[in-house]
Amino acid sequence: MAFSLGQRLRATRKLLGMTQEQAIEQLEIRYDIIMSQQTLSTIENGKRKVDAERELPAFAGVYGRSIDYFYETLKLLSTPPSLVLAKSKPTITVDLDALTHRDKLELAVELIHHVLQET
């Protein structure tokens, strides 16, 4: 069964471990888009379309995905999202623009070290 755009937005938000409130807060802080929880819910349920010029690029930015990502052919998860979330690790959001070049290098080293330890 193919995803609708709203379902893709919901699945991505949940995959990132974000609540609707957190997504709405980021939309406002980062992109000056004011949205109620009811509006986000109607979008995720396919009852309201996403503004392709303002809202979709903002969702892509908040969720760290390209706009194309939301239009790729995706299949519904066979595992309920709550079970997927329980297995996922916490997500930490970092404003990369606020980091110095040295901070970015140190972060990269930590990430590489972490990845090598898991393999």
Protein backbone atom coordinates (compact mmCIF):
# COMPACT_ATOMS: atom_id res chain seq x y z
CA MET A 1 0.00 0.00 0.00
CA ALA A 2 1.50 3.33 -1.05
CA PHE A 3 1.94 6.25 1.32
CA SER A 4 0.16 9.55 0.87
CA LEU A 5 2.20 12.71 1.44
CA GLY A 6 0.55 13.18 4.84
CA GLN A 7 1.38 9.63 5.86
CA ARG A 8 4.99 10.14 4.74
CA LEU A 9 5.23 13.29 6.84
CA ARG A 10 3.80 11.47 9.89
CA ALA A 11 6.03 8.43 9.43
CA THR A 12 9.13 10.60 9.07
CA ARG A 13 8.24 12.65 12.15
CA LYS A 14 7.70 9.49 14.18
CA LEU A 15 10.86 7.89 12.84
CA LEU A 16 12.76 10.91 14.13
CA GLY A 17 11.08 10.52 17.51
CA MET A 18 9.40 13.92 17.26
CA THR A 19 6.00 14.78 18.65
CA GLN A 20 3.59 16.96 16.70
CA GLU A 21 4.29 19.74 19.20
CA GLN A 22 8.04 19.53 18.58
CA ALA A 23 7.55 19.61 14.81
CA ILE A 24 5.22 22.62 15.09
CA GLU A 25 7.71 24.42 17.34
CA GLN A 26 10.54 23.86 14.84
CA LEU A 27 8.37 25.02 11.92
CA GLU A 28 7.73 28.26 13.77
CA ILE A 29 11.26 28.84 15.07
CA ARG A 30 13.12 27.94 11.89
CA TYR A 31 10.67 28.90 9.14
CA ASP A 32 8.19 31.31 10.75
CA ILE A 33 5.31 28.96 9.91
CA ILE A 34 2.54 29.07 12.48
CA MET A 35 0.57 25.83 12.57
CA SER A 36 -1.79 24.36 15.14
CA GLN A 37 -1.65 20.74 16.22
CA GLN A 38 -5.08 20.27 14.63
CA THR A 39 -3.72 21.56 11.30
CA LEU A 40 -0.73 19.22 11.43
CA SER A 41 -3.03 16.35 12.30
CA THR A 42 -5.31 17.10 9.32
CA ILE A 43 -2.24 17.22 7.04
CA GLU A 44 -0.92 13.90 8.36
CA ASN A 45 -4.37 12.34 7.95
CA GLY A 46 -4.63 13.52 4.34
CA LYS A 47 -7.53 15.88 5.02
CA ARG A 48 -5.54 19.02 4.21
CA LYS A 49 -2.99 19.60 1.48
CA VAL A 50 0.50 20.87 2.17
CA ASP A 51 1.48 24.24 0.71
CA ALA A 52 4.18 23.17 -1.75
CA GLU A 53 5.93 26.55 -1.75
CA ARG A 54 6.17 27.23 1.99
CA GLU A 55 5.19 24.26 4.10
CA LEU A 56 6.74 21.33 2.25
CA PRO A 57 10.25 22.85 2.11
CA ALA A 58 9.89 23.72 5.81
CA PHE A 59 8.85 20.16 6.71
CA ALA A 60 11.81 18.87 4.67
CA GLY A 61 14.16 21.18 6.58
CA VAL A 62 12.77 20.30 10.01
CA TYR A 63 12.86 16.57 9.24
CA GLY A 64 16.29 16.72 7.58
CA ARG A 65 15.07 15.26 4.29
CA SER A 66 14.97 16.43 0.69
CA ILE A 67 11.61 17.33 -0.81
CA ASP A 68 12.03 14.41 -3.21
CA TYR A 69 12.15 12.05 -0.22
CA PHE A 70 8.48 12.71 0.44
CA TYR A 71 7.55 11.77 -3.12
CA GLU A 72 9.55 8.55 -3.38
CA THR A 73 7.57 5.35 -3.61
CA LEU A 74 7.27 4.20 -0.04
CA LYS A 75 5.43 1.25 1.41
CA LEU A 76 3.64 1.21 4.74
CA LEU A 77 5.62 -0.32 7.55
CA SER A 78 4.55 -3.84 8.45
CA THR A 79 5.60 -3.12 12.04
CA PRO A 80 3.43 -0.64 13.95
CA PRO A 81 5.26 2.71 14.37
CA SER A 82 5.17 2.39 18.17
CA LEU A 83 7.29 -0.76 17.95
CA VAL A 84 9.74 0.87 15.55
CA LEU A 85 10.12 3.86 17.87
CA ALA A 86 10.77 1.63 20.85
CA LYS A 87 13.76 0.12 19.07
CA SER A 88 15.19 3.40 17.75
CA LYS A 89 17.80 5.41 19.56
CA PRO A 90 17.12 8.95 20.75
CA THR A 91 17.58 11.68 18.18
CA ILE A 92 19.61 14.77 18.99
CA THR A 93 19.12 17.90 16.92
CA VAL A 94 22.13 20.16 16.41
CA ASP A 95 22.16 23.59 14.78
CA LEU A 96 25.26 23.11 12.60
CA ASP A 97 25.39 26.81 11.72
CA ALA A 98 26.02 27.61 15.39
CA LEU A 99 29.07 25.30 15.56
CA THR A 100 32.62 26.41 14.90
CA HIS A 101 34.74 24.60 12.34
CA ARG A 102 36.59 22.86 15.18
CA ASP A 103 33.29 21.79 16.80
CA LYS A 104 32.18 20.28 13.49
CA LEU A 105 35.44 18.36 13.14
CA GLU A 106 35.18 17.02 16.69
CA LEU A 107 31.58 15.99 16.08
CA ALA A 108 32.60 14.21 12.87
CA VAL A 109 35.37 12.34 14.71
CA GLU A 110 32.91 11.25 17.43
CA LEU A 111 30.39 10.06 14.85
CA ILE A 112 32.99 8.09 12.90
CA HIS A 113 34.29 6.54 16.12
CA HIS A 114 30.75 5.58 17.15
CA VAL A 115 29.98 4.03 13.76
CA LEU A 116 33.22 2.04 13.78
CA GLN A 117 32.44 0.69 17.26
CA GLU A 118 29.05 -0.59 16.10
CA THR A 119 30.43 -2.47 13.10
